[in-house]
Amino acid sequence: MTQALTSPDSATVGYQTRSLTRALAILDAFSTGQQVLTIKELHERLDLPKPTISRLARELARGGYLRNAGRAYELGPKTFELGSLFIRQRRLDDLGQTHLSALAAKTLQTASLALLAGTDMIHVIVAPSPHPIQHVTEVGSRAEAHATGLGKALLAALPEEDVPALLGSKPLTRLTVNTIGDVETLMEELSRIRERGFAFNNEETAIGLKCVAVAADLPAVGSAAVSVSGPAADYTDERIPIFVEEVKATVAALEDALGRGRDYPHRLDASTAIRD
């Protein structure tokens, strides 16, 4: 007699889904500015019960996604492994690094390629400037998209109606006096970016730092953005158009080498290329 297969009841599935969502929220709580978090800090950030956070953090640590740092936690080696695999399987590691290194050498600026991660942008490839005075950033570092040239280029590549829903109704974080602080003003800026074909960061992330960025359409990943960034004094009216043309040439070279994302049926959507 054949035994009928039974599936988990809805209550079990609901519990499993809730646990998964909470575990992902714990991982997402870590950032460049907060690399080590205690259970108390995770509790305050996520508004989850401390026993729940402790239990899930232990499981994540057991799987290598977190690592104990005294009485706190930091991201574990498994997250690096997955991130590296994400880059390798899309051929961004070798081709992307080659083109960005050439861009950095030509412009004497730091060259970066980024993807959208919810309301943040995350650096996927970085080629440092050969100049001793340079903008320093790291692969995996992230920042709020509205405050960066890369992020604004990525937001401008989204359907216009998707941006307000993504950012919500709260005021935008102001990192400097030049940072755009509300969605309405940002939408106007995104419209200008679409018209001129590049984004400009006018010391909105940090005073003394400027950047130009151009959106790219790459296979599987979909929307990405490439930028050069460096000391504000380098971004004169004469040099900005030169930087823009060099970044556009790099984007075209990457699209030619990798193929355009819209030609691939299984590409990732820009807003979900990396889950926030």
Protein backbone atom coordinates (compact mmCIF):
# COMPACT_ATOMS: atom_id res chain seq x y z
CA MET A 1 0.00 0.00 0.00
CA THR A 2 1.45 3.33 -1.05
CA GLN A 3 1.69 5.92 1.71
CA ALA A 4 0.46 9.36 0.78
CA LEU A 5 3.04 12.14 0.99
CA THR A 6 2.16 14.88 3.41
CA SER A 7 3.29 18.48 3.16
CA PRO A 8 4.01 20.80 6.09
CA ASP A 9 0.93 22.54 7.41
CA SER A 10 0.55 26.28 6.90
CA ALA A 11 1.53 27.06 10.47
CA THR A 12 4.87 25.25 10.03
CA VAL A 13 5.52 26.95 6.70
CA GLY A 14 4.63 30.31 8.21
CA TYR A 15 7.05 29.76 11.09
CA GLN A 16 9.85 28.71 8.75
CA THR A 17 9.28 31.72 6.50
CA ARG A 18 9.25 34.07 9.47
CA SER A 19 12.49 32.59 10.80
CA LEU A 20 14.15 32.92 7.38
CA THR A 21 13.01 36.53 7.05
CA ARG A 22 14.36 37.35 10.50
CA ALA A 23 17.68 35.63 9.82
CA LEU A 24 18.10 37.63 6.61
CA ALA A 25 17.26 40.82 8.51
CA ILE A 26 20.05 40.03 10.98
CA LEU A 27 22.57 39.67 8.15
CA ASP A 28 21.35 42.87 6.54
CA ALA A 29 21.81 44.82 9.78
CA PHE A 30 25.57 44.78 9.29
CA SER A 31 27.14 47.59 7.28
CA THR A 32 30.45 49.31 6.66
CA GLY A 33 29.78 51.61 9.58
CA GLN A 34 28.56 48.84 11.88
CA GLN A 35 30.70 45.77 11.30
CA VAL A 36 30.25 44.30 14.80
CA LEU A 37 26.86 44.13 16.53
CA THR A 38 25.78 42.86 19.93
CA ILE A 39 22.48 41.09 20.58
CA LYS A 40 21.25 44.27 22.26
CA GLU A 41 22.15 46.38 19.21
CA LEU A 42 20.46 43.91 16.87
CA HIS A 43 17.40 43.96 19.13
CA GLU A 44 17.26 47.77 18.96
CA ARG A 45 17.76 47.82 15.20
CA LEU A 46 15.33 45.08 14.28
CA ASP A 47 12.79 45.25 17.10
CA LEU A 48 12.96 41.48 17.51
CA PRO A 49 13.00 39.58 20.82
CA LYS A 50 16.52 39.06 22.17
CA PRO A 51 16.02 35.26 22.61
CA THR A 52 14.99 35.02 18.94
CA ILE A 53 18.04 36.99 17.82
CA SER A 54 20.33 34.87 20.01
CA ARG A 55 18.92 31.63 18.60
CA LEU A 56 19.12 32.73 14.97
CA ALA A 57 22.58 34.27 15.42
CA ARG A 58 23.88 30.98 16.81
CA GLU A 59 22.48 29.11 13.80
CA LEU A 60 23.96 31.65 11.39
CA ALA A 61 27.33 31.35 13.14
CA ARG A 62 27.13 27.55 12.94
CA GLY A 63 26.69 27.87 9.17
CA GLY A 64 29.54 30.35 8.82
CA TYR A 65 27.34 33.34 7.95
CA LEU A 66 28.21 35.06 11.25
CA ARG A 67 31.24 34.83 13.49
CA ASN A 68 31.59 35.45 17.21
CA ALA A 69 33.45 38.64 18.08
CA GLY A 70 33.69 38.53 21.85
CA ARG A 71 30.14 39.01 23.10
CA ALA A 72 29.04 40.30 19.70
CA TYR A 73 28.82 39.07 16.12
CA GLU A 74 30.38 40.00 12.80
CA LEU A 75 29.81 38.67 9.29
CA GLY A 76 31.37 35.26 8.72
CA PRO A 77 33.46 33.84 5.85
CA LYS A 78 30.44 32.24 4.17
CA THR A 79 29.12 35.66 3.18
CA PHE A 80 32.44 36.45 1.47
CA GLU A 81 32.34 33.08 -0.29
CA LEU A 82 28.85 33.73 -1.64
CA GLY A 83 29.70 37.29 -2.65
CA SER A 84 32.79 36.10 -4.50
CA LEU A 85 30.76 33.42 -6.26
CA PHE A 86 28.18 36.02 -7.30
CA ILE A 87 30.93 38.03 -8.99
CA ARG A 88 32.71 35.05 -10.59
CA GLN A 89 29.63 33.42 -12.06
CA ARG A 90 28.81 36.62 -13.91
CA ARG A 91 32.38 37.08 -15.20
CA LEU A 92 32.54 40.47 -13.54
CA ASP A 93 35.68 39.65 -11.59
CA ASP A 94 38.18 39.36 -14.43
CA LEU A 95 36.66 41.48 -17.19
CA GLY A 96 35.27 44.10 -14.82
CA GLN A 97 38.51 44.53 -12.89
CA THR A 98 40.52 44.85 -16.10
CA HIS A 99 38.32 47.61 -17.51
CA LEU A 100 38.03 49.49 -14.23
CA SER A 101 41.78 49.35 -13.62
CA ALA A 102 42.31 50.89 -17.06
CA LEU A 103 39.75 53.59 -16.24
CA ALA A 104 41.51 54.39 -12.95
CA ALA A 105 44.88 54.62 -14.72
CA LYS A 106 43.52 56.96 -17.41
CA THR A 107 41.69 59.33 -15.08
CA LEU A 108 43.88 59.05 -11.95
CA GLN A 109 40.62 58.57 -10.05
CA THR A 110 39.20 55.64 -8.09
CA ALA A 111 36.98 53.60 -10.43
CA SER A 112 34.05 51.58 -9.09
CA LEU A 113 31.22 49.36 -10.27
CA ALA A 114 28.14 49.13 -8.06
CA LEU A 115 24.76 47.45 -7.83
CA LEU A 116 21.59 48.53 -6.08
CA ALA A 117 20.84 46.83 -2.76
CA GLY A 118 17.41 48.03 -1.69
CA THR A 119 17.85 51.74 -0.91
CA ASP A 120 21.65 51.37 -0.78
CA MET A 121 24.28 50.91 -3.42
CA ILE A 122 27.06 48.38 -2.86
CA HIS A 123 30.55 48.45 -4.38
CA VAL A 124 31.14 45.22 -6.32
CA ILE A 125 34.43 46.09 -8.04
CA VAL A 126 36.90 48.82 -7.03
CA ALA A 127 40.08 49.89 -8.81
CA PRO A 128 42.03 52.40 -6.70
CA SER A 129 43.56 55.49 -8.23
CA PRO A 130 47.32 55.34 -8.85
CA HIS A 131 47.53 58.89 -7.51
CA PRO A 132 48.70 59.25 -3.88
CA ILE A 133 45.74 61.52 -3.06
CA GLN A 134 42.69 59.42 -3.76
CA HIS A 135 39.22 58.35 -2.66
CA VAL A 136 39.52 55.12 -0.70
CA THR A 137 36.66 52.62 -0.70
CA GLU A 138 36.39 48.84 -0.45
CA VAL A 139 34.60 46.05 -2.27
CA GLY A 140 31.43 45.26 -0.33
CA SER A 141 31.10 48.72 1.19
CA ARG A 142 27.71 50.31 0.83
CA ALA A 143 26.09 53.71 1.14
CA GLU A 144 22.62 55.18 0.83
CA ALA A 145 21.92 55.46 -2.88
CA HIS A 146 20.48 58.98 -2.86
CA ALA A 147 23.74 60.39 -1.46
CA THR A 148 26.13 58.94 -4.05
CA GLY A 149 26.79 59.34 -7.75
CA LEU A 150 26.65 55.58 -8.28
CA GLY A 151 23.41 55.31 -6.34
CA LYS A 152 21.73 58.16 -8.20
CA ALA A 153 22.74 56.63 -11.54
CA LEU A 154 21.20 53.33 -10.42
CA LEU A 155 18.00 54.99 -9.18
CA ALA A 156 17.69 56.93 -12.44
CA ALA A 157 17.86 53.61 -14.33
CA LEU A 158 14.75 52.34 -12.52
CA PRO A 159 11.24 53.03 -13.85
CA GLU A 160 10.40 56.49 -12.54
CA GLU A 161 7.30 55.32 -10.67
CA ASP A 162 9.30 52.73 -8.71
CA VAL A 163 11.61 55.17 -6.96
CA PRO A 164 9.18 56.79 -4.45
CA ALA A 165 7.87 53.35 -3.45
CA LEU A 166 11.42 52.12 -2.92
CA LEU A 167 12.57 55.09 -0.83
CA GLY A 168 9.38 55.59 1.19
CA SER A 169 8.05 58.84 2.60
CA LYS A 170 10.62 59.54 5.33
CA PRO A 171 13.17 62.35 4.90
CA LEU A 172 16.38 61.20 3.25
CA THR A 173 19.53 61.08 5.38
CA ARG A 174 21.74 64.12 4.90
CA LEU A 175 25.43 63.23 5.07
CA THR A 176 26.63 66.74 4.19
CA VAL A 177 24.99 70.12 3.58
CA ASN A 178 24.87 69.19 -0.12
CA THR A 179 23.00 65.88 0.28
CA ILE A 180 19.49 65.80 -1.18
CA GLY A 181 17.13 65.48 1.78
CA ASP A 182 13.72 64.72 0.27
CA VAL A 183 12.29 62.43 -2.40
CA GLU A 184 10.69 65.24 -4.43
CA THR A 185 14.02 67.01 -4.96
CA LEU A 186 15.69 63.68 -5.67
CA MET A 187 13.13 62.88 -8.36
CA GLU A 188 13.95 66.18 -10.07
CA GLU A 189 17.66 65.29 -9.93
CA LEU A 190 17.01 61.82 -11.36
CA SER A 191 15.14 63.40 -14.26
CA ARG A 192 18.18 65.59 -15.01
CA ILE A 193 20.43 62.53 -14.83
CA ARG A 194 18.31 60.72 -17.42
CA GLU A 195 18.49 63.75 -19.72
CA ARG A 196 22.25 64.33 -19.53
CA GLY A 197 23.25 60.65 -19.31
CA PHE A 198 25.33 60.72 -16.13
CA ALA A 199 25.06 61.35 -12.39
CA PHE A 200 27.19 63.82 -10.45
CA ASN A 201 28.03 63.68 -6.76
CA ASN A 202 28.73 67.23 -5.63
CA GLU A 203 30.28 66.52 -2.21
CA GLU A 204 27.03 64.87 -1.10
CA THR A 205 28.70 61.86 0.53
CA ALA A 206 31.63 63.71 2.05
CA ILE A 207 32.98 67.24 1.75
CA GLY A 208 35.97 67.22 -0.56
CA LEU A 209 34.79 64.21 -2.59
CA LYS A 210 33.19 64.39 -6.04
CA CYS A 211 32.18 61.73 -8.54
CA VAL A 212 30.62 61.11 -11.94
CA ALA A 213 28.71 57.89 -12.64
CA VAL A 214 27.00 56.26 -15.62
CA ALA A 215 24.45 53.46 -15.61
CA ALA A 216 25.32 50.18 -17.35
CA ASP A 217 23.19 47.28 -18.57
CA LEU A 218 25.06 44.02 -17.94
CA PRO A 219 24.09 40.36 -18.38
CA ALA A 220 22.30 38.52 -15.57
CA VAL A 221 22.92 41.44 -13.21
CA GLY A 222 20.93 43.95 -15.24
CA SER A 223 21.41 47.52 -14.07
CA ALA A 224 24.80 48.46 -12.67
CA ALA A 225 26.71 51.73 -12.54
CA VAL A 226 30.33 52.71 -13.12
CA SER A 227 31.99 55.78 -11.63
CA VAL A 228 35.20 57.66 -11.07
CA SER A 229 35.60 59.55 -7.81
CA GLY A 230 38.26 61.61 -6.16
CA PRO A 231 39.29 64.98 -4.73
CA ALA A 232 36.80 67.75 -5.44
CA ALA A 233 39.55 69.96 -6.89
CA ASP A 234 39.96 67.50 -9.79
CA TYR A 235 36.35 68.01 -10.93
CA THR A 236 36.63 71.29 -12.79
CA ASP A 237 34.24 72.38 -15.54
CA GLU A 238 36.90 71.37 -18.07
CA ARG A 239 37.65 67.93 -16.64
CA ILE A 240 34.13 66.71 -15.78
CA PRO A 241 33.17 66.12 -19.46
CA ILE A 242 36.45 64.22 -19.95
CA PHE A 243 35.71 62.00 -16.94
CA VAL A 244 32.18 61.39 -18.21
CA GLU A 245 33.40 60.31 -21.64
CA GLU A 246 35.97 57.95 -20.11
CA VAL A 247 33.32 56.37 -17.86
CA LYS A 248 30.91 56.03 -20.80
CA ALA A 249 33.65 54.37 -22.86
CA THR A 250 34.26 51.90 -20.03
CA VAL A 251 30.54 51.14 -19.76
CA ALA A 252 30.38 50.52 -23.52
CA ALA A 253 33.41 48.24 -23.32
CA LEU A 254 31.88 46.24 -20.47
CA GLU A 255 28.58 45.91 -22.32
CA ASP A 256 30.40 44.76 -25.45
CA ALA A 257 32.51 42.26 -23.51
CA LEU A 258 29.71 40.85 -21.39
CA GLY A 259 26.67 41.42 -23.58
CA ARG A 260 23.75 43.61 -22.62
CA GLY A 261 21.59 42.53 -19.71
CA ARG A 262 18.36 43.02 -21.61
CA ASP A 263 19.47 40.29 -24.02
CA TYR A 264 19.42 37.73 -21.18
CA PRO A 265 16.05 36.26 -20.13
CA HIS A 266 17.19 35.39 -16.60
CA ARG A 267 18.69 38.72 -15.56
CA LEU A 268 18.24 40.10 -12.08
CA ASP A 269 16.08 43.15 -11.57
CA ALA A 270 18.08 46.24 -10.55
CA SER A 271 16.22 46.68 -7.27
CA THR A 272 16.80 43.05 -6.27
CA ALA A 273 20.26 42.39 -7.65
CA ILE A 274 21.33 42.12 -4.02
CA ARG A 275 18.58 41.70 -1.51
CA ASP A 276 18.38 44.32 1.20
